[in-house]
Each structure stands twice: as structure tokens, then as C-alpha cells.
Amino acid sequence: MSVTAIDIESALREALQPLELEVRDDSHLHAGHAGAREGRHFWVRVVSERFTGTTRIARHRLVYHALDPLISRGIHALAIDARAPHEP
């Protein structure tokens, strides 16, 4: 079963209670790329209080932890823009 942007959005909402969340499936931009056969390409922008006082690496770990059950279902690439509420 393939992963959808809705699946990602649901998992991130549950884990991070974001104030803002945008999930985009960019798979069509990678058509023909060898990795496209292994899964889909996504971009996420998430603004959450959980990121306040954390490093960029810690934020990415929180996102990956939230999506862990979905990764094996078909996430090949994930671009992450993770910010605390006070950040531009």
C-alpha cells in the first residue's frame, strides 16, 4: 500500500500537534528517476511548539519518528522544513 500526503499529514498532526502543516507530493517531479520506483517523494513544512528550543537535527528526528511506520510503505525521499512558531 502506497503512502499518500494525507497519511503523512495525519501522522504529523497526531505526533506534533502543528500550528501549521503543509504536505506536498513531489513524486511527479522525479518521474523516470531510479528511486521513483522505490517510493514517493514528499515535501513537508511543519510549525510546532515541539520544535521550540531544539536543533534542526532534533526537529528532523521528531518528524522521522512520527513517520516511521510509513517509511517502509513507500517514502523514498522527504524534504523537511521544520520551524518553531516564532521563526520566520
N, C-alpha and C. Protein backbone atom coordinates (compact mmCIF):
# COMPACT_ATOMS: atom_id res chain seq x y z
N MET A 1 0.84 -1.19 0.00
CA MET A 1 0.00 0.00 0.00
C MET A 1 0.88 1.25 0.00
N SER A 2 0.69 2.11 -0.93
CA SER A 2 1.47 3.32 -1.11
C SER A 2 1.09 4.39 -0.10
N VAL A 3 2.05 5.20 0.27
CA VAL A 3 1.83 6.30 1.21
C VAL A 3 1.29 7.51 0.45
N THR A 4 0.36 8.22 1.07
CA THR A 4 -0.20 9.43 0.47
C THR A 4 0.14 10.64 1.35
N ALA A 5 -0.04 11.82 0.80
CA ALA A 5 0.17 13.04 1.56
C ALA A 5 -0.79 13.09 2.75
N ILE A 6 -1.98 12.54 2.59
CA ILE A 6 -2.95 12.51 3.69
C ILE A 6 -2.44 11.64 4.84
N ASP A 7 -1.81 10.51 4.52
CA ASP A 7 -1.24 9.65 5.56
C ASP A 7 -0.17 10.40 6.36
N ILE A 8 0.68 11.12 5.63
CA ILE A 8 1.75 11.88 6.28
C ILE A 8 1.17 12.99 7.14
N GLU A 9 0.21 13.70 6.61
CA GLU A 9 -0.44 14.77 7.36
C GLU A 9 -1.06 14.24 8.64
N SER A 10 -1.75 13.15 8.58
CA SER A 10 -2.39 12.56 9.77
C SER A 10 -1.36 12.19 10.83
N ALA A 11 -0.28 11.55 10.41
CA ALA A 11 0.76 11.13 11.36
C ALA A 11 1.43 12.33 12.02
N LEU A 12 1.71 13.36 11.24
CA LEU A 12 2.37 14.55 11.80
C LEU A 12 1.42 15.33 12.71
N ARG A 13 0.16 15.40 12.36
CA ARG A 13 -0.81 16.09 13.23
C ARG A 13 -0.92 15.39 14.58
N GLU A 14 -0.97 14.08 14.55
CA GLU A 14 -1.09 13.31 15.79
C GLU A 14 0.15 13.46 16.67
N ALA A 15 1.33 13.38 16.08
CA ALA A 15 2.57 13.38 16.85
C ALA A 15 3.03 14.76 17.28
N LEU A 16 2.81 15.78 16.44
CA LEU A 16 3.42 17.09 16.69
C LEU A 16 2.44 18.21 16.97
N GLN A 17 1.15 17.96 16.84
CA GLN A 17 0.12 18.99 17.05
C GLN A 17 0.56 20.33 16.43
N PRO A 18 0.80 20.33 15.13
CA PRO A 18 1.34 21.54 14.49
C PRO A 18 0.34 22.69 14.43
N LEU A 19 0.90 23.89 14.50
CA LEU A 19 0.10 25.10 14.30
C LEU A 19 -0.11 25.33 12.80
N GLU A 20 0.87 24.91 12.02
CA GLU A 20 0.79 24.98 10.56
C GLU A 20 1.37 23.68 10.00
N LEU A 21 0.76 23.20 8.94
CA LEU A 21 1.25 21.97 8.30
C LEU A 21 0.90 21.98 6.83
N GLU A 22 1.91 21.73 6.02
CA GLU A 22 1.70 21.59 4.58
C GLU A 22 2.48 20.37 4.12
N VAL A 23 1.83 19.51 3.39
CA VAL A 23 2.46 18.30 2.85
C VAL A 23 2.22 18.30 1.34
N ARG A 24 3.30 18.10 0.61
CA ARG A 24 3.18 18.11 -0.86
C ARG A 24 3.84 16.85 -1.42
N ASP A 25 3.15 16.20 -2.32
CA ASP A 25 3.69 15.04 -3.02
C ASP A 25 4.38 15.55 -4.29
N ASP A 26 5.70 15.46 -4.30
CA ASP A 26 6.50 15.93 -5.43
C ASP A 26 6.96 14.79 -6.34
N SER A 27 6.33 13.65 -6.23
CA SER A 27 6.74 12.46 -6.98
C SER A 27 6.76 12.71 -8.49
N HIS A 28 5.82 13.49 -8.98
CA HIS A 28 5.75 13.75 -10.42
C HIS A 28 7.01 14.47 -10.93
N LEU A 29 7.71 15.16 -10.05
CA LEU A 29 8.93 15.86 -10.45
C LEU A 29 10.11 14.90 -10.62
N HIS A 30 9.94 13.67 -10.17
CA HIS A 30 11.02 12.69 -10.19
C HIS A 30 10.71 11.49 -11.08
N ALA A 31 9.74 11.63 -11.93
CA ALA A 31 9.38 10.55 -12.85
C ALA A 31 10.60 10.17 -13.69
N GLY A 32 10.84 8.89 -13.80
CA GLY A 32 11.99 8.40 -14.55
C GLY A 32 13.24 8.23 -13.71
N HIS A 33 13.27 8.84 -12.55
CA HIS A 33 14.38 8.70 -11.61
C HIS A 33 14.35 7.29 -11.02
N ALA A 34 15.49 6.64 -10.91
CA ALA A 34 15.53 5.25 -10.43
C ALA A 34 14.81 5.09 -9.09
N GLY A 35 14.98 6.03 -8.18
CA GLY A 35 14.35 5.94 -6.87
C GLY A 35 12.85 6.08 -6.91
N ALA A 36 12.31 6.61 -7.99
CA ALA A 36 10.86 6.79 -8.09
C ALA A 36 10.14 5.45 -8.06
N ARG A 37 10.82 4.41 -8.46
CA ARG A 37 10.20 3.07 -8.43
C ARG A 37 10.14 2.52 -7.00
N GLU A 38 10.98 3.07 -6.12
CA GLU A 38 11.06 2.57 -4.74
C GLU A 38 10.12 3.27 -3.79
N GLY A 39 9.53 4.37 -4.22
CA GLY A 39 8.63 5.10 -3.34
C GLY A 39 8.40 6.51 -3.83
N ARG A 40 7.67 7.25 -3.02
CA ARG A 40 7.24 8.59 -3.41
C ARG A 40 8.15 9.65 -2.78
N HIS A 41 8.13 10.83 -3.35
CA HIS A 41 8.91 11.98 -2.88
C HIS A 41 7.95 13.00 -2.27
N PHE A 42 8.22 13.41 -1.04
CA PHE A 42 7.36 14.36 -0.35
C PHE A 42 8.15 15.54 0.19
N TRP A 43 7.44 16.65 0.35
CA TRP A 43 7.97 17.85 0.99
C TRP A 43 6.99 18.20 2.10
N VAL A 44 7.51 18.52 3.29
CA VAL A 44 6.65 18.93 4.40
C VAL A 44 7.16 20.22 5.01
N ARG A 45 6.23 21.06 5.39
CA ARG A 45 6.52 22.25 6.18
C ARG A 45 5.65 22.14 7.42
N VAL A 46 6.31 22.14 8.57
CA VAL A 46 5.57 21.97 9.82
C VAL A 46 6.06 22.99 10.84
N VAL A 47 5.11 23.67 11.47
CA VAL A 47 5.40 24.63 12.53
C VAL A 47 4.76 24.08 13.80
N SER A 48 5.59 23.84 14.81
CA SER A 48 5.08 23.22 16.03
C SER A 48 5.81 23.75 17.26
N GLU A 49 5.08 23.88 18.34
CA GLU A 49 5.69 24.25 19.64
C GLU A 49 6.73 23.22 20.06
N ARG A 50 6.56 21.98 19.62
CA ARG A 50 7.50 20.92 19.98
C ARG A 50 8.92 21.22 19.50
N PHE A 51 9.06 22.11 18.52
CA PHE A 51 10.37 22.44 17.98
C PHE A 51 11.07 23.58 18.73
N THR A 52 10.37 24.25 19.62
CA THR A 52 10.96 25.36 20.36
C THR A 52 12.15 24.87 21.18
N GLY A 53 13.28 25.54 20.98
CA GLY A 53 14.50 25.20 21.73
C GLY A 53 15.23 23.97 21.23
N THR A 54 14.85 23.45 20.07
CA THR A 54 15.52 22.25 19.54
C THR A 54 16.35 22.60 18.30
N THR A 55 17.32 21.77 18.03
CA THR A 55 18.16 21.95 16.86
C THR A 55 17.45 21.44 15.62
N ARG A 56 17.99 21.81 14.48
CA ARG A 56 17.42 21.34 13.21
C ARG A 56 17.43 19.81 13.15
N ILE A 57 18.51 19.21 13.61
CA ILE A 57 18.61 17.74 13.59
C ILE A 57 17.56 17.12 14.50
N ALA A 58 17.35 17.68 15.67
CA ALA A 58 16.34 17.15 16.59
C ALA A 58 14.94 17.27 15.99
N ARG A 59 14.69 18.35 15.28
CA ARG A 59 13.38 18.53 14.64
C ARG A 59 13.15 17.47 13.57
N HIS A 60 14.18 17.24 12.77
CA HIS A 60 14.06 16.22 11.72
C HIS A 60 13.86 14.84 12.34
N ARG A 61 14.53 14.58 13.44
CA ARG A 61 14.33 13.29 14.12
C ARG A 61 12.90 13.13 14.60
N LEU A 62 12.31 14.20 15.12
CA LEU A 62 10.91 14.14 15.56
C LEU A 62 9.98 13.84 14.38
N VAL A 63 10.25 14.47 13.25
CA VAL A 63 9.42 14.22 12.07
C VAL A 63 9.59 12.78 11.60
N TYR A 64 10.84 12.32 11.50
CA TYR A 64 11.08 10.94 11.07
C TYR A 64 10.47 9.93 12.05
N HIS A 65 10.55 10.22 13.33
CA HIS A 65 9.95 9.32 14.32
C HIS A 65 8.43 9.23 14.11
N ALA A 66 7.81 10.37 13.85
CA ALA A 66 6.36 10.38 13.62
C ALA A 66 5.98 9.60 12.37
N LEU A 67 6.87 9.60 11.38
CA LEU A 67 6.57 8.95 10.10
C LEU A 67 7.15 7.54 10.00
N ASP A 68 7.81 7.07 11.01
CA ASP A 68 8.48 5.77 10.97
C ASP A 68 7.60 4.64 10.43
N PRO A 69 6.35 4.51 10.88
CA PRO A 69 5.52 3.41 10.35
C PRO A 69 5.22 3.54 8.85
N LEU A 70 5.34 4.74 8.31
CA LEU A 70 5.01 4.98 6.91
C LEU A 70 6.20 4.83 5.97
N ILE A 71 7.39 4.97 6.49
CA ILE A 71 8.57 4.99 5.64
C ILE A 71 8.70 3.70 4.83
N SER A 72 8.51 2.59 5.46
CA SER A 72 8.65 1.32 4.75
C SER A 72 7.50 1.06 3.77
N ARG A 73 6.45 1.85 3.88
CA ARG A 73 5.30 1.70 2.97
C ARG A 73 5.48 2.48 1.68
N GLY A 74 6.59 3.23 1.56
CA GLY A 74 6.82 3.88 0.28
C GLY A 74 7.25 5.32 0.28
N ILE A 75 7.92 5.79 1.33
CA ILE A 75 8.52 7.13 1.28
C ILE A 75 9.96 6.95 0.84
N HIS A 76 10.27 7.41 -0.36
CA HIS A 76 11.64 7.32 -0.87
C HIS A 76 12.46 8.54 -0.47
N ALA A 77 11.84 9.72 -0.52
CA ALA A 77 12.55 10.95 -0.20
C ALA A 77 11.61 11.88 0.55
N LEU A 78 12.19 12.63 1.50
CA LEU A 78 11.40 13.54 2.31
C LEU A 78 12.20 14.82 2.56
N ALA A 79 11.70 15.93 2.05
CA ALA A 79 12.30 17.24 2.33
C ALA A 79 11.52 17.85 3.48
N ILE A 80 12.23 18.35 4.49
CA ILE A 80 11.58 18.82 5.71
C ILE A 80 11.94 20.28 5.98
N ASP A 81 10.91 21.09 6.20
CA ASP A 81 11.06 22.47 6.68
C ASP A 81 10.33 22.49 8.02
N ALA A 82 11.10 22.41 9.11
CA ALA A 82 10.51 22.32 10.46
C ALA A 82 10.91 23.56 11.26
N ARG A 83 9.89 24.26 11.77
CA ARG A 83 10.14 25.52 12.46
C ARG A 83 9.33 25.62 13.75
N ALA A 84 9.86 26.40 14.69
CA ALA A 84 9.12 26.75 15.88
C ALA A 84 8.23 27.95 15.52
N PRO A 85 7.16 28.21 16.28
CA PRO A 85 6.20 29.25 15.92
C PRO A 85 6.81 30.66 15.77
N HIS A 86 7.82 30.99 16.50
CA HIS A 86 8.38 32.35 16.45
C HIS A 86 9.38 32.55 15.31
N GLU A 87 9.66 31.51 14.54
CA GLU A 87 10.63 31.59 13.47
C GLU A 87 9.96 31.94 12.14
N PRO A 88 10.67 32.72 11.30
CA PRO A 88 10.09 33.08 10.01
C PRO A 88 9.97 31.92 9.05
